[in-house]
């Protein structure tokens, strides 16, 4: 076995877990789960059957990743954050055929105790603040806080707030990485450092 499983954890037969991943205390991974390389599943994490988790994700303590949730590479799930998969649950009404897909794209951060209501797509390197409730799609690099969640700014891939307006045409360079961020209307695009430097000298 090329990954580490704590003796108290349960990994059902059929689950796929990549090299270098770590499964900590009291975790339960269901048989249909697909988990990538170098993933950390913290204490008391649950991973459902119809779940895909990419490489280098970190799922902190007390997070349940339910069916129909997909995490791309490098997603961070803070302690006790919540996913859902049924929009209007009732104990008396069976709705397992009504699960809504949730997609969290590459590099996004989901802060401690936030809630992602099913059906939302979280853009790459978006940053959801602690305790926020997200009930709609979030653009790439967006900083979202509050209940309900609202965008208040932009975050770099490095995890620093960018001095940019929410809308308009502007650009700024990340002081840590040298990457340039170009805002066009309501969309932010990252230009990696070597490309940005080459463009600046033309």
C-alpha atoms as a PDB file:
ATOM      1  CA  UNK A   1       0.000   0.000   0.000  1.00  0.00           C
ATOM      2  CA  UNK A   2       1.486   3.337  -1.091  1.00  0.00           C
ATOM      3  CA  UNK A   3      -0.611   5.510   1.235  1.00  0.00           C
ATOM      4  CA  UNK A   4      -0.981   5.717   5.022  1.00  0.00           C
ATOM      5  CA  UNK A   5      -4.157   4.713   6.887  1.00  0.00           C
ATOM      6  CA  UNK A   6      -4.602   5.127  10.646  1.00  0.00           C
ATOM      7  CA  UNK A   7      -5.787   1.912  12.391  1.00  0.00           C
ATOM      8  CA  UNK A   8      -9.053   3.609  13.419  1.00  0.00           C
ATOM      9  CA  UNK A   9      -9.951   4.587   9.829  1.00  0.00           C
ATOM     10  CA  UNK A  10     -12.223   2.561   7.526  1.00  0.00           C
ATOM     11  CA  UNK A  11     -11.424   2.364   3.812  1.00  0.00           C
ATOM     12  CA  UNK A  12     -14.037   0.279   2.017  1.00  0.00           C
ATOM     13  CA  UNK A  13     -12.886  -2.217  -0.590  1.00  0.00           C
ATOM     14  CA  UNK A  14     -12.867  -0.665  -4.040  1.00  0.00           C
ATOM     15  CA  UNK A  15     -11.890   2.847  -2.991  1.00  0.00           C
ATOM     16  CA  UNK A  16      -9.003   4.309  -4.988  1.00  0.00           C
ATOM     17  CA  UNK A  17      -6.395   6.316  -3.074  1.00  0.00           C
ATOM     18  CA  UNK A  18      -3.259   7.745  -4.681  1.00  0.00           C
ATOM     19  CA  UNK A  19       0.378   7.468  -3.652  1.00  0.00           C
ATOM     20  CA  UNK A  20       1.496   9.454  -0.630  1.00  0.00           C
ATOM     21  CA  UNK A  21      -1.990  10.189   0.681  1.00  0.00           C
ATOM     22  CA  UNK A  22      -2.690  10.116   4.419  1.00  0.00           C
ATOM     23  CA  UNK A  23      -5.936   8.914   6.006  1.00  0.00           C
ATOM     24  CA  UNK A  24      -6.122   9.959   9.649  1.00  0.00           C
ATOM     25  CA  UNK A  25      -8.148   8.993  12.748  1.00  0.00           C
ATOM     26  CA  UNK A  26     -11.780   7.859  12.363  1.00  0.00           C
ATOM     27  CA  UNK A  27     -11.990   8.589   8.618  1.00  0.00           C
ATOM     28  CA  UNK A  28     -14.471   6.627   6.489  1.00  0.00           C
ATOM     29  CA  UNK A  29     -13.825   6.357   2.740  1.00  0.00           C
ATOM     30  CA  UNK A  30     -16.615   4.632   0.799  1.00  0.00           C
ATOM     31  CA  UNK A  31     -15.937   2.050  -1.895  1.00  0.00           C
ATOM     32  CA  UNK A  32     -16.680   4.255  -4.905  1.00  0.00           C
ATOM     33  CA  UNK A  33     -14.472   7.177  -3.860  1.00  0.00           C
ATOM     34  CA  UNK A  34     -11.609   8.283  -6.099  1.00  0.00           C
ATOM     35  CA  UNK A  35      -8.840  10.107  -4.244  1.00  0.00           C
ATOM     36  CA  UNK A  36      -5.647  11.417  -5.840  1.00  0.00           C
ATOM     37  CA  UNK A  37      -2.015  11.583  -4.796  1.00  0.00           C
ATOM     38  CA  UNK A  38      -0.645  13.351  -1.693  1.00  0.00           C
ATOM     39  CA  UNK A  39      -4.095  14.012  -0.226  1.00  0.00           C
ATOM     40  CA  UNK A  40      -4.589  14.545   3.501  1.00  0.00           C
ATOM     41  CA  UNK A  41      -7.886  13.426   5.070  1.00  0.00           C
ATOM     42  CA  UNK A  42      -8.031  14.801   8.622  1.00  0.00           C
ATOM     43  CA  UNK A  43      -9.682  13.311  11.666  1.00  0.00           C
ATOM     44  CA  UNK A  44     -13.353  12.304  11.310  1.00  0.00           C
ATOM     45  CA  UNK A  45     -13.594  12.967   7.549  1.00  0.00           C
ATOM     46  CA  UNK A  46     -16.228  11.122   5.510  1.00  0.00           C
ATOM     47  CA  UNK A  47     -15.866  10.568   1.746  1.00  0.00           C
ATOM     48  CA  UNK A  48     -18.909   9.287  -0.149  1.00  0.00           C
ATOM     49  CA  UNK A  49     -19.156   6.870  -3.080  1.00  0.00           C
ATOM     50  CA  UNK A  50     -19.676   9.311  -5.926  1.00  0.00           C
ATOM     51  CA  UNK A  51     -16.835  11.621  -4.936  1.00  0.00           C
ATOM     52  CA  UNK A  52     -13.689  12.591  -6.811  1.00  0.00           C
ATOM     53  CA  UNK A  53     -10.819  14.292  -4.981  1.00  0.00           C
ATOM     54  CA  UNK A  54      -7.787  15.481  -6.974  1.00  0.00           C
ATOM     55  CA  UNK A  55      -4.106  15.453  -6.107  1.00  0.00           C
ATOM     56  CA  UNK A  56      -2.650  17.513  -3.221  1.00  0.00           C
ATOM     57  CA  UNK A  57      -6.003  18.316  -1.586  1.00  0.00           C
ATOM     58  CA  UNK A  58      -6.220  18.936   2.156  1.00  0.00           C
ATOM     59  CA  UNK A  59      -9.486  17.998   3.873  1.00  0.00           C
ATOM     60  CA  UNK A  60      -9.321  19.174   7.472  1.00  0.00           C
ATOM     61  CA  UNK A  61     -11.063  17.644  10.507  1.00  0.00           C
ATOM     62  CA  UNK A  62     -14.813  16.962  10.589  1.00  0.00           C
ATOM     63  CA  UNK A  63     -15.586  17.458   6.884  1.00  0.00           C
ATOM     64  CA  UNK A  64     -18.058  15.211   5.037  1.00  0.00           C
ATOM     65  CA  UNK A  65     -17.564  15.103   1.272  1.00  0.00           C
ATOM     66  CA  UNK A  66     -20.900  13.739   0.091  1.00  0.00           C
ATOM     67  CA  UNK A  67     -21.920  12.125  -3.206  1.00  0.00           C
ATOM     68  CA  UNK A  68     -21.768  14.306  -6.326  1.00  0.00           C
ATOM     69  CA  UNK A  69     -18.964  16.518  -4.999  1.00  0.00           C
ATOM     70  CA  UNK A  70     -15.847  16.908  -7.141  1.00  0.00           C
ATOM     71  CA  UNK A  71     -12.669  18.553  -5.883  1.00  0.00           C
ATOM     72  CA  UNK A  72      -9.972  19.326  -8.443  1.00  0.00           C
ATOM     73  CA  UNK A  73      -6.256  19.396  -7.569  1.00  0.00           C
ATOM     74  CA  UNK A  74      -5.022  21.474  -4.646  1.00  0.00           C
ATOM     75  CA  UNK A  75      -8.354  22.248  -2.966  1.00  0.00           C
ATOM     76  CA  UNK A  76      -8.251  23.183   0.736  1.00  0.00           C
ATOM     77  CA  UNK A  77     -11.308  22.339   2.871  1.00  0.00           C
ATOM     78  CA  UNK A  78     -11.117  24.034   6.271  1.00  0.00           C
ATOM     79  CA  UNK A  79     -12.186  22.408   9.545  1.00  0.00           C
ATOM     80  CA  UNK A  80     -15.894  21.570   9.828  1.00  0.00           C
ATOM     81  CA  UNK A  81     -16.872  23.147   6.496  1.00  0.00           C
ATOM     82  CA  UNK A  82     -20.018  21.665   4.963  1.00  0.00           C
ATOM     83  CA  UNK A  83     -21.076  20.300   1.579  1.00  0.00           C
ATOM     84  CA  UNK A  84     -24.680  19.421   0.743  1.00  0.00           C
ATOM     85  CA  UNK A  85     -26.087  17.410  -2.147  1.00  0.00           C
ATOM     86  CA  UNK A  86     -29.865  17.834  -1.846  1.00  0.00           C
ATOM     87  CA  UNK A  87     -31.290  21.331  -2.237  1.00  0.00           C
ATOM     88  CA  UNK A  88     -34.582  20.826  -0.372  1.00  0.00           C
ATOM     89  CA  UNK A  89     -34.161  17.838   1.977  1.00  0.00           C
ATOM     90  CA  UNK A  90     -37.022  16.259   3.911  1.00  0.00           C
ATOM     91  CA  UNK A  91     -36.742  13.161   6.070  1.00  0.00           C
ATOM     92  CA  UNK A  92     -40.128  11.962   4.785  1.00  0.00           C
ATOM     93  CA  UNK A  93     -39.234  12.441   1.081  1.00  0.00           C
ATOM     94  CA  UNK A  94     -36.615  10.299  -0.695  1.00  0.00           C
ATOM     95  CA  UNK A  95     -34.536  12.542  -2.971  1.00  0.00           C
ATOM     96  CA  UNK A  96     -31.411  10.499  -3.731  1.00  0.00           C
ATOM     97  CA  UNK A  97     -32.202  10.831  -7.443  1.00  0.00           C
ATOM     98  CA  UNK A  98     -32.157  14.635  -7.114  1.00  0.00           C
ATOM     99  CA  UNK A  99     -28.567  15.135  -6.001  1.00  0.00           C
ATOM    100  CA  UNK A 100     -27.020  18.300  -7.456  1.00  0.00           C
ATOM    101  CA  UNK A 101     -23.390  18.371  -8.559  1.00  0.00           C
ATOM    102  CA  UNK A 102     -20.892  20.568  -6.757  1.00  0.00           C
ATOM    103  CA  UNK A 103     -17.561  21.361  -8.409  1.00  0.00           C
ATOM    104  CA  UNK A 104     -14.637  22.996  -6.617  1.00  0.00           C
ATOM    105  CA  UNK A 105     -11.949  23.931  -9.102  1.00  0.00           C
ATOM    106  CA  UNK A 106      -8.185  23.805  -8.809  1.00  0.00           C
ATOM    107  CA  UNK A 107      -6.526  25.596  -5.906  1.00  0.00           C
ATOM    108  CA  UNK A 108      -9.689  26.931  -4.253  1.00  0.00           C
ATOM    109  CA  UNK A 109      -9.877  27.463  -0.487  1.00  0.00           C
ATOM    110  CA  UNK A 110     -13.046  26.750   1.519  1.00  0.00           C
ATOM    111  CA  UNK A 111     -12.661  28.349   4.938  1.00  0.00           C
ATOM    112  CA  UNK A 112     -13.518  26.817   8.309  1.00  0.00           C
ATOM    113  CA  UNK A 113     -17.242  26.330   8.961  1.00  0.00           C
ATOM    114  CA  UNK A 114     -18.328  27.628   5.555  1.00  0.00           C
ATOM    115  CA  UNK A 115     -21.228  25.931   3.744  1.00  0.00           C
ATOM    116  CA  UNK A 116     -21.338  25.178   0.021  1.00  0.00           C
ATOM    117  CA  UNK A 117     -24.944  24.667  -1.057  1.00  0.00           C
ATOM    118  CA  UNK A 118     -25.192  21.949  -3.699  1.00  0.00           C
ATOM    119  CA  UNK A 119     -25.216  22.889  -7.369  1.00  0.00           C
ATOM    120  CA  UNK A 120     -22.525  25.573  -7.085  1.00  0.00           C
ATOM    121  CA  UNK A 121     -19.249  25.744  -8.963  1.00  0.00           C
ATOM    122  CA  UNK A 122     -16.344  27.364  -7.106  1.00  0.00           C
ATOM    123  CA  UNK A 123     -13.801  28.849  -9.520  1.00  0.00           C
ATOM    124  CA  UNK A 124     -10.099  28.109  -9.479  1.00  0.00           C
ATOM    125  CA  UNK A 125      -8.155  29.720  -6.621  1.00  0.00           C
ATOM    126  CA  UNK A 126     -11.343  31.297  -5.252  1.00  0.00           C
ATOM    127  CA  UNK A 127     -11.261  31.966  -1.512  1.00  0.00           C
ATOM    128  CA  UNK A 128     -14.378  31.352   0.620  1.00  0.00           C
ATOM    129  CA  UNK A 129     -14.076  33.006   4.027  1.00  0.00           C
ATOM    130  CA  UNK A 130     -14.752  31.246   7.329  1.00  0.00           C
ATOM    131  CA  UNK A 131     -18.464  30.839   8.058  1.00  0.00           C
ATOM    132  CA  UNK A 132     -19.687  31.985   4.643  1.00  0.00           C
ATOM    133  CA  UNK A 133     -22.717  30.371   2.996  1.00  0.00           C
ATOM    134  CA  UNK A 134     -22.288  29.978  -0.767  1.00  0.00           C
ATOM    135  CA  UNK A 135     -25.470  29.361  -2.762  1.00  0.00           C
ATOM    136  CA  UNK A 136     -24.356  30.322  -6.283  1.00  0.00           C
ATOM    137  CA  UNK A 137     -21.346  30.022  -8.588  1.00  0.00           C
ATOM    138  CA  UNK A 138     -18.145  31.805  -7.555  1.00  0.00           C
ATOM    139  CA  UNK A 139     -15.715  33.258 -10.140  1.00  0.00           C
ATOM    140  CA  UNK A 140     -12.061  32.274 -10.284  1.00  0.00           C
ATOM    141  CA  UNK A 141      -9.886  34.154  -7.722  1.00  0.00           C
ATOM    142  CA  UNK A 142     -12.960  35.712  -6.045  1.00  0.00           C
ATOM    143  CA  UNK A 143     -12.945  36.448  -2.301  1.00  0.00           C
ATOM    144  CA  UNK A 144     -16.381  35.620  -0.869  1.00  0.00           C
ATOM    145  CA  UNK A 145     -17.616  36.190   2.708  1.00  0.00           C
ATOM    146  CA  UNK A 146     -20.861  36.453   4.632  1.00  0.00           C
ATOM    147  CA  UNK A 147     -24.359  34.970   4.767  1.00  0.00           C
ATOM    148  CA  UNK A 148     -25.402  34.706   2.035  1.00  0.00           C
ATOM    149  CA  UNK A 149     -21.956  34.766   0.465  1.00  0.00           C
ATOM    150  CA  UNK A 150     -21.019  37.889  -1.483  1.00  0.00           C
ATOM    151  CA  UNK A 151     -17.850  38.799  -3.312  1.00  0.00           C
ATOM    152  CA  UNK A 152     -15.827  41.551  -1.640  1.00  0.00           C
ATOM    153  CA  UNK A 153     -12.572  41.304  -3.574  1.00  0.00           C
ATOM    154  CA  UNK A 154      -9.997  39.154  -5.347  1.00  0.00           C
ATOM    155  CA  UNK A 155      -7.295  36.775  -4.117  1.00  0.00           C
ATOM    156  CA  UNK A 156      -4.047  35.721  -5.759  1.00  0.00           C
ATOM    157  CA  UNK A 157      -3.095  32.087  -6.249  1.00  0.00           C
ATOM    158  CA  UNK A 158      -0.544  32.734  -3.479  1.00  0.00           C
ATOM    159  CA  UNK A 159      -3.400  33.514  -1.066  1.00  0.00           C
ATOM    160  CA  UNK A 160      -3.001  37.292  -0.761  1.00  0.00           C
ATOM    161  CA  UNK A 161      -5.706  39.875  -1.351  1.00  0.00           C
ATOM    162  CA  UNK A 162      -5.267  41.832  -4.579  1.00  0.00           C
ATOM    163  CA  UNK A 163      -5.851  45.592  -4.756  1.00  0.00           C
ATOM    164  CA  UNK A 164      -8.388  45.501  -7.566  1.00  0.00           C
ATOM    165  CA  UNK A 165     -11.974  46.759  -8.001  1.00  0.00           C
ATOM    166  CA  UNK A 166     -14.750  44.168  -8.249  1.00  0.00           C
ATOM    167  CA  UNK A 167     -15.521  45.260 -11.817  1.00  0.00           C
ATOM    168  CA  UNK A 168     -13.730  47.197 -14.537  1.00  0.00           C
ATOM    169  CA  UNK A 169     -10.423  47.067 -16.369  1.00  0.00           C
ATOM    170  CA  UNK A 170      -7.295  46.935 -14.224  1.00  0.00           C
ATOM    171  CA  UNK A 171      -4.159  44.950 -13.566  1.00  0.00           C
ATOM    172  CA  UNK A 172      -1.859  44.281 -10.644  1.00  0.00           C
ATOM    173  CA  UNK A 173       1.255  42.207  -9.981  1.00  0.00           C
ATOM    174  CA  UNK A 174       1.527  39.767  -7.069  1.00  0.00           C
ATOM    175  CA  UNK A 175       4.537  40.798  -4.971  1.00  0.00           C
ATOM    176  CA  UNK A 176       5.184  37.185  -3.904  1.00  0.00           C
ATOM    177  CA  UNK A 177       5.064  35.336  -7.218  1.00  0.00           C
ATOM    178  CA  UNK A 178       5.527  38.051  -9.815  1.00  0.00           C
ATOM    179  CA  UNK A 179       2.371  36.858 -11.561  1.00  0.00           C
ATOM    180  CA  UNK A 180       0.213  39.547 -13.128  1.00  0.00           C
ATOM    181  CA  UNK A 181      -3.567  39.606 -12.661  1.00  0.00           C
ATOM    182  CA  UNK A 182      -5.656  41.227 -15.385  1.00  0.00           C
ATOM    183  CA  UNK A 183      -9.257  42.237 -14.671  1.00  0.00           C
ATOM    184  CA  UNK A 184     -11.572  42.594 -17.663  1.00  0.00           C
ATOM    185  CA  UNK A 185     -15.112  43.439 -16.630  1.00  0.00           C
ATOM    186  CA  UNK A 186     -15.966  40.870 -13.983  1.00  0.00           C
ATOM    187  CA  UNK A 187     -13.373  38.228 -14.870  1.00  0.00           C
ATOM    188  CA  UNK A 188      -9.851  37.975 -13.505  1.00  0.00           C
ATOM    189  CA  UNK A 189      -7.076  36.192 -15.400  1.00  0.00           C
ATOM    190  CA  UNK A 190      -3.627  35.286 -14.090  1.00  0.00           C
ATOM    191  CA  UNK A 191      -0.590  35.780 -16.323  1.00  0.00           C
ATOM    192  CA  UNK A 192       2.289  33.673 -14.923  1.00  0.00           C
ATOM    193  CA  UNK A 193       5.473  35.544 -14.027  1.00  0.00           C
ATOM    194  CA  UNK A 194       7.747  34.583 -16.983  1.00  0.00           C
ATOM    195  CA  UNK A 195       4.989  35.429 -19.491  1.00  0.00           C
ATOM    196  CA  UNK A 196       4.153  38.691 -17.715  1.00  0.00           C
ATOM    197  CA  UNK A 197       7.824  39.729 -17.699  1.00  0.00           C
ATOM    198  CA  UNK A 198       8.146  38.952 -21.409  1.00  0.00           C
ATOM    199  CA  UNK A 199       5.056  41.003 -22.223  1.00  0.00           C
ATOM    200  CA  UNK A 200       6.368  43.942 -20.191  1.00  0.00           C
ATOM    201  CA  UNK A 201       9.612  44.103 -22.203  1.00  0.00           C
ATOM    202  CA  UNK A 202       7.954  44.099 -25.617  1.00  0.00           C
END
